[in-house]
C-alpha atoms as a PDB file:
ATOM      1  CA  UNK A   1     110.166  93.481 122.326  1.00  0.00           C
ATOM      2  CA  UNK A   2     109.886  92.259 118.751  1.00  0.00           C
ATOM      3  CA  UNK A   3     108.355  88.820 118.245  1.00  0.00           C
ATOM      4  CA  UNK A   4     110.779  87.645 115.571  1.00  0.00           C
ATOM      5  CA  UNK A   5     109.649  84.031 115.830  1.00  0.00           C
ATOM      6  CA  UNK A   6     106.032  84.840 114.914  1.00  0.00           C
ATOM      7  CA  UNK A   7     107.161  87.152 112.122  1.00  0.00           C
ATOM      8  CA  UNK A   8     109.321  84.429 110.608  1.00  0.00           C
ATOM      9  CA  UNK A   9     106.686  81.700 110.922  1.00  0.00           C
ATOM     10  CA  UNK A  10     103.894  83.937 109.584  1.00  0.00           C
ATOM     11  CA  UNK A  11     105.978  84.906 106.576  1.00  0.00           C
ATOM     12  CA  UNK A  12     106.723  81.250 105.872  1.00  0.00           C
ATOM     13  CA  UNK A  13     103.022  80.353 106.034  1.00  0.00           C
ATOM     14  CA  UNK A  14     102.048  83.365 103.876  1.00  0.00           C
ATOM     15  CA  UNK A  15     104.553  82.301 101.223  1.00  0.00           C
ATOM     16  CA  UNK A  16     103.531  78.652 101.494  1.00  0.00           C
ATOM     17  CA  UNK A  17      99.846  79.496 100.971  1.00  0.00           C
ATOM     18  CA  UNK A  18     100.734  81.565  97.887  1.00  0.00           C
ATOM     19  CA  UNK A  19     102.825  78.771  96.386  1.00  0.00           C
ATOM     20  CA  UNK A  20     101.696  76.856  93.316  1.00  0.00           C
ATOM     21  CA  UNK A  21     102.226  73.613  95.271  1.00  0.00           C
ATOM     22  CA  UNK A  22      99.714  74.685  97.930  1.00  0.00           C
ATOM     23  CA  UNK A  23      97.246  75.709  95.219  1.00  0.00           C
ATOM     24  CA  UNK A  24      97.631  72.325  93.534  1.00  0.00           C
ATOM     25  CA  UNK A  25      99.291  73.686  90.391  1.00  0.00           C
ATOM     26  CA  UNK A  26     102.625  71.971  91.017  1.00  0.00           C
ATOM     27  CA  UNK A  27     103.419  68.404  92.054  1.00  0.00           C
ATOM     28  CA  UNK A  28     106.548  69.242  94.038  1.00  0.00           C
ATOM     29  CA  UNK A  29     107.043  72.006  96.559  1.00  0.00           C
ATOM     30  CA  UNK A  30     109.598  74.676  95.723  1.00  0.00           C
ATOM     31  CA  UNK A  31     112.072  75.876  98.291  1.00  0.00           C
ATOM     32  CA  UNK A  32     110.672  78.581 100.560  1.00  0.00           C
ATOM     33  CA  UNK A  33     113.392  80.395 102.439  1.00  0.00           C
ATOM     34  CA  UNK A  34     114.070  83.514 104.444  1.00  0.00           C
ATOM     35  CA  UNK A  35     117.480  85.170 104.522  1.00  0.00           C
ATOM     36  CA  UNK A  36     117.580  86.785 107.944  1.00  0.00           C
ATOM     37  CA  UNK A  37     119.626  89.878 107.049  1.00  0.00           C
ATOM     38  CA  UNK A  38     117.226  90.657 104.183  1.00  0.00           C
ATOM     39  CA  UNK A  39     114.150  90.372 106.399  1.00  0.00           C
ATOM     40  CA  UNK A  40     115.789  91.977 109.442  1.00  0.00           C
ATOM     41  CA  UNK A  41     118.443  94.499 108.308  1.00  0.00           C
ATOM     42  CA  UNK A  42     119.806  94.834 111.858  1.00  0.00           C
ATOM     43  CA  UNK A  43     120.717  91.130 111.918  1.00  0.00           C
ATOM     44  CA  UNK A  44     124.455  90.433 111.710  1.00  0.00           C
ATOM     45  CA  UNK A  45     125.637  93.963 112.545  1.00  0.00           C
ATOM     46  CA  UNK A  46     127.939  94.213 115.524  1.00  0.00           C
ATOM     47  CA  UNK A  47     126.153  97.288 116.893  1.00  0.00           C
ATOM     48  CA  UNK A  48     122.902  95.233 116.934  1.00  0.00           C
ATOM     49  CA  UNK A  49     124.327  92.429 119.027  1.00  0.00           C
ATOM     50  CA  UNK A  50     121.111  91.785 121.013  1.00  0.00           C
ATOM     51  CA  UNK A  51     118.895  91.494 117.911  1.00  0.00           C
ATOM     52  CA  UNK A  52     121.452  89.274 116.181  1.00  0.00           C
ATOM     53  CA  UNK A  53     121.749  87.057 119.247  1.00  0.00           C
ATOM     54  CA  UNK A  54     117.964  86.788 119.608  1.00  0.00           C
ATOM     55  CA  UNK A  55     117.510  85.924 115.914  1.00  0.00           C
ATOM     56  CA  UNK A  56     120.271  83.321 116.123  1.00  0.00           C
ATOM     57  CA  UNK A  57     118.597  81.714 119.154  1.00  0.00           C
ATOM     58  CA  UNK A  58     115.245  81.658 117.345  1.00  0.00           C
ATOM     59  CA  UNK A  59     116.825  80.199 114.198  1.00  0.00           C
ATOM     60  CA  UNK A  60     118.384  77.357 116.199  1.00  0.00           C
ATOM     61  CA  UNK A  61     115.104  76.769 118.086  1.00  0.00           C
ATOM     62  CA  UNK A  62     113.205  76.513 114.798  1.00  0.00           C
ATOM     63  CA  UNK A  63     115.836  74.138 113.447  1.00  0.00           C
ATOM     64  CA  UNK A  64     115.757  71.918 116.543  1.00  0.00           C
ATOM     65  CA  UNK A  65     111.945  71.727 116.322  1.00  0.00           C
ATOM     66  CA  UNK A  66     112.215  70.634 112.692  1.00  0.00           C
ATOM     67  CA  UNK A  67     110.409  73.707 111.331  1.00  0.00           C
ATOM     68  CA  UNK A  68     113.403  74.848 109.263  1.00  0.00           C
ATOM     69  CA  UNK A  69     116.788  73.736 108.073  1.00  0.00           C
ATOM     70  CA  UNK A  70     119.741  75.959 107.305  1.00  0.00           C
ATOM     71  CA  UNK A  71     121.070  76.289 103.787  1.00  0.00           C
ATOM     72  CA  UNK A  72     124.539  74.798 103.252  1.00  0.00           C
ATOM     73  CA  UNK A  73     126.162  78.247 103.075  1.00  0.00           C
ATOM     74  CA  UNK A  74     124.289  79.514 106.125  1.00  0.00           C
ATOM     75  CA  UNK A  75     126.552  81.235 108.662  1.00  0.00           C
ATOM     76  CA  UNK A  76     126.167  83.795 111.415  1.00  0.00           C
ATOM     77  CA  UNK A  77     125.260  87.113 109.801  1.00  0.00           C
ATOM     78  CA  UNK A  78     124.195  85.406 106.578  1.00  0.00           C
ATOM     79  CA  UNK A  79     121.738  82.795 107.822  1.00  0.00           C
ATOM     80  CA  UNK A  80     119.190  81.342 105.374  1.00  0.00           C
ATOM     81  CA  UNK A  81     116.260  79.399 106.833  1.00  0.00           C
ATOM     82  CA  UNK A  82     114.437  76.883 104.616  1.00  0.00           C
ATOM     83  CA  UNK A  83     110.879  75.895 105.529  1.00  0.00           C
ATOM     84  CA  UNK A  84     110.206  72.207 106.189  1.00  0.00           C
ATOM     85  CA  UNK A  85     107.060  71.625 104.119  1.00  0.00           C
ATOM     86  CA  UNK A  86     106.121  68.242 105.572  1.00  0.00           C
ATOM     87  CA  UNK A  87     102.462  68.148 106.584  1.00  0.00           C
ATOM     88  CA  UNK A  88     103.013  67.402 110.285  1.00  0.00           C
ATOM     89  CA  UNK A  89     105.503  70.256 110.551  1.00  0.00           C
ATOM     90  CA  UNK A  90     103.152  72.729 108.865  1.00  0.00           C
ATOM     91  CA  UNK A  91     100.291  71.580 111.113  1.00  0.00           C
ATOM     92  CA  UNK A  92     102.411  72.372 114.186  1.00  0.00           C
ATOM     93  CA  UNK A  93     103.248  75.830 112.804  1.00  0.00           C
ATOM     94  CA  UNK A  94      99.560  76.591 112.104  1.00  0.00           C
ATOM     95  CA  UNK A  95      98.710  75.438 115.613  1.00  0.00           C
ATOM     96  CA  UNK A  96     101.419  77.588 117.211  1.00  0.00           C
ATOM     97  CA  UNK A  97     100.323  80.647 115.242  1.00  0.00           C
ATOM     98  CA  UNK A  98      96.632  79.887 115.874  1.00  0.00           C
ATOM     99  CA  UNK A  99      96.061  80.299 112.133  1.00  0.00           C
ATOM    100  CA  UNK A 100      93.426  78.587 110.028  1.00  0.00           C
ATOM    101  CA  UNK A 101      94.798  77.305 106.722  1.00  0.00           C
ATOM    102  CA  UNK A 102      93.460  79.118 103.653  1.00  0.00           C
ATOM    103  CA  UNK A 103      92.039  75.850 102.289  1.00  0.00           C
ATOM    104  CA  UNK A 104      89.864  75.484 105.402  1.00  0.00           C
ATOM    105  CA  UNK A 105      88.743  79.108 105.103  1.00  0.00           C
ATOM    106  CA  UNK A 106      87.783  78.469 101.471  1.00  0.00           C
ATOM    107  CA  UNK A 107      85.752  75.356 102.349  1.00  0.00           C
ATOM    108  CA  UNK A 108      83.912  77.263 105.085  1.00  0.00           C
ATOM    109  CA  UNK A 109      83.305  80.271 102.811  1.00  0.00           C
ATOM    110  CA  UNK A 110      81.968  78.117  99.947  1.00  0.00           C
ATOM    111  CA  UNK A 111      79.562  76.485 102.424  1.00  0.00           C
ATOM    112  CA  UNK A 112      78.357  79.960 103.427  1.00  0.00           C
ATOM    113  CA  UNK A 113      77.849  80.894  99.771  1.00  0.00           C
ATOM    114  CA  UNK A 114      75.895  77.659  99.249  1.00  0.00           C
ATOM    115  CA  UNK A 115      73.339  78.864 101.803  1.00  0.00           C
ATOM    116  CA  UNK A 116      72.159  81.572  99.422  1.00  0.00           C
ATOM    117  CA  UNK A 117      69.584  80.021  97.107  1.00  0.00           C
ATOM    118  CA  UNK A 118      68.581  83.073  95.157  1.00  0.00           C
ATOM    119  CA  UNK A 119      67.332  83.715  91.662  1.00  0.00           C
ATOM    120  CA  UNK A 120      68.396  85.851  88.733  1.00  0.00           C
ATOM    121  CA  UNK A 121      71.676  87.729  88.887  1.00  0.00           C
ATOM    122  CA  UNK A 122      72.245  86.824  92.553  1.00  0.00           C
ATOM    123  CA  UNK A 123      72.599  83.135  91.647  1.00  0.00           C
ATOM    124  CA  UNK A 124      75.114  84.086  88.934  1.00  0.00           C
ATOM    125  CA  UNK A 125      76.980  86.259  91.439  1.00  0.00           C
ATOM    126  CA  UNK A 126      77.097  83.486  94.068  1.00  0.00           C
ATOM    127  CA  UNK A 127      78.261  80.952  91.457  1.00  0.00           C
ATOM    128  CA  UNK A 128      81.035  83.308  90.303  1.00  0.00           C
ATOM    129  CA  UNK A 129      82.195  83.999  93.881  1.00  0.00           C
ATOM    130  CA  UNK A 130      82.243  80.254  94.641  1.00  0.00           C
ATOM    131  CA  UNK A 131      84.295  79.591  91.521  1.00  0.00           C
ATOM    132  CA  UNK A 132      86.746  82.348  92.432  1.00  0.00           C
ATOM    133  CA  UNK A 133      87.050  81.144  96.036  1.00  0.00           C
ATOM    134  CA  UNK A 134      87.646  77.522  94.991  1.00  0.00           C
ATOM    135  CA  UNK A 135      90.355  78.591  92.528  1.00  0.00           C
ATOM    136  CA  UNK A 136      91.851  80.970  95.128  1.00  0.00           C
ATOM    137  CA  UNK A 137      91.221  84.002  92.939  1.00  0.00           C
ATOM    138  CA  UNK A 138      90.486  87.448  94.302  1.00  0.00           C
ATOM    139  CA  UNK A 139      86.923  88.196  95.410  1.00  0.00           C
ATOM    140  CA  UNK A 140      87.600  91.925  95.315  1.00  0.00           C
ATOM    141  CA  UNK A 141      86.020  94.384  94.731  1.00  0.00           C
ATOM    142  CA  UNK A 142      82.782  92.508  95.417  1.00  0.00           C
ATOM    143  CA  UNK A 143      83.586  90.776  98.698  1.00  0.00           C
ATOM    144  CA  UNK A 144      86.200  91.024 101.423  1.00  0.00           C
ATOM    145  CA  UNK A 145      88.164  87.809 101.550  1.00  0.00           C
ATOM    146  CA  UNK A 146      86.461  85.254 103.834  1.00  0.00           C
ATOM    147  CA  UNK A 147      84.594  87.957 105.786  1.00  0.00           C
ATOM    148  CA  UNK A 148      81.224  86.527 106.844  1.00  0.00           C
ATOM    149  CA  UNK A 149      79.659  89.878 107.846  1.00  0.00           C
ATOM    150  CA  UNK A 150      80.642  91.437 104.542  1.00  0.00           C
ATOM    151  CA  UNK A 151      79.094  88.526 102.623  1.00  0.00           C
ATOM    152  CA  UNK A 152      75.873  88.745 104.630  1.00  0.00           C
ATOM    153  CA  UNK A 153      75.561  92.503 104.033  1.00  0.00           C
ATOM    154  CA  UNK A 154      76.271  92.250 100.299  1.00  0.00           C
ATOM    155  CA  UNK A 155      73.652  89.502  99.978  1.00  0.00           C
ATOM    156  CA  UNK A 156      71.107  91.621 101.892  1.00  0.00           C
ATOM    157  CA  UNK A 157      71.790  94.510  99.520  1.00  0.00           C
ATOM    158  CA  UNK A 158      71.427  92.364  96.403  1.00  0.00           C
ATOM    159  CA  UNK A 159      68.217  90.750  97.719  1.00  0.00           C
ATOM    160  CA  UNK A 160      66.922  94.185  98.676  1.00  0.00           C
ATOM    161  CA  UNK A 161      67.595  95.434  95.138  1.00  0.00           C
ATOM    162  CA  UNK A 162      65.442  92.653  93.687  1.00  0.00           C
ATOM    163  CA  UNK A 163      62.658  93.126  96.232  1.00  0.00           C
ATOM    164  CA  UNK A 164      62.585  96.937  95.901  1.00  0.00           C
ATOM    165  CA  UNK A 165      59.812  97.784  93.420  1.00  0.00           C
ATOM    166  CA  UNK A 166      59.365 101.518  94.052  1.00  0.00           C
ATOM    167  CA  UNK A 167      61.957 104.244  93.759  1.00  0.00           C
ATOM    168  CA  UNK A 168      63.581 104.956  97.118  1.00  0.00           C
ATOM    169  CA  UNK A 169      66.399 107.198  98.321  1.00  0.00           C
ATOM    170  CA  UNK A 170      69.846 105.742  98.883  1.00  0.00           C
ATOM    171  CA  UNK A 171      69.697 106.465 102.625  1.00  0.00           C
ATOM    172  CA  UNK A 172      66.202 104.994 103.072  1.00  0.00           C
ATOM    173  CA  UNK A 173      67.252 101.874 101.192  1.00  0.00           C
ATOM    174  CA  UNK A 174      70.314 101.613 103.439  1.00  0.00           C
ATOM    175  CA  UNK A 175      68.152 101.858 106.554  1.00  0.00           C
ATOM    176  CA  UNK A 176      65.601  99.391 105.199  1.00  0.00           C
ATOM    177  CA  UNK A 177      68.133  96.735 104.158  1.00  0.00           C
ATOM    178  CA  UNK A 178      71.037  97.232 106.597  1.00  0.00           C
ATOM    179  CA  UNK A 179      69.322  98.992 109.504  1.00  0.00           C
ATOM    180  CA  UNK A 180      71.546 102.080 109.210  1.00  0.00           C
ATOM    181  CA  UNK A 181      71.180 105.116 106.940  1.00  0.00           C
ATOM    182  CA  UNK A 182      74.938 105.401 106.326  1.00  0.00           C
ATOM    183  CA  UNK A 183      76.046 101.762 106.172  1.00  0.00           C
ATOM    184  CA  UNK A 184      75.253 101.329 102.465  1.00  0.00           C
ATOM    185  CA  UNK A 185      77.843 104.002 101.654  1.00  0.00           C
ATOM    186  CA  UNK A 186      80.579 101.492 102.612  1.00  0.00           C
ATOM    187  CA  UNK A 187      79.272  99.075  99.976  1.00  0.00           C
ATOM    188  CA  UNK A 188      78.692 101.572  97.178  1.00  0.00           C
ATOM    189  CA  UNK A 189      81.872 100.648  95.282  1.00  0.00           C
ATOM    190  CA  UNK A 190      80.834  96.963  95.386  1.00  0.00           C
ATOM    191  CA  UNK A 191      77.413  97.467  93.833  1.00  0.00           C
ATOM    192  CA  UNK A 192      77.911 100.491  91.595  1.00  0.00           C
ATOM    193  CA  UNK A 193      80.384  99.816  88.809  1.00  0.00           C
ATOM    194  CA  UNK A 194      81.614 102.592  86.556  1.00  0.00           C
END
């Protein structure tokens, strides 16, 4: 069975977190809506009665909980849901989805980056990653977004590069720094730029 409710709520939160209002670039939130027949092509077709009925029930549940309102032209088969962007409503949606808001992930990730007090190019790298994280810019190709293990491994590699004085094979370096002869291969595109 399809979990339409989670799909709808997750899409709303994804769009909300990408909005200029969420990122602090706009003073007023813009309308965030989902037109059900565009998201779920089976919705509104008579031969998909069960899906249509289920989506209608979910839409009315979400409305009664205050998560969404219907647009003025919203009718069966052409239902448009508009996200309620009040803070208490969004908090309830995050809680239901068991999602951590991006802003909290950023704060946690910046704190992790702050733990690395390194010299030379590593300090510049950490400062650049912090700046990108704070401004919600992409950390790729250098780091996976908010992935603590990835950050730890990249920092081990960078520290290992500074500490390595003698020439060493790629596989030996991988084993020395990451404890696995093949693990460094996964990070090659992050540390070797063409």
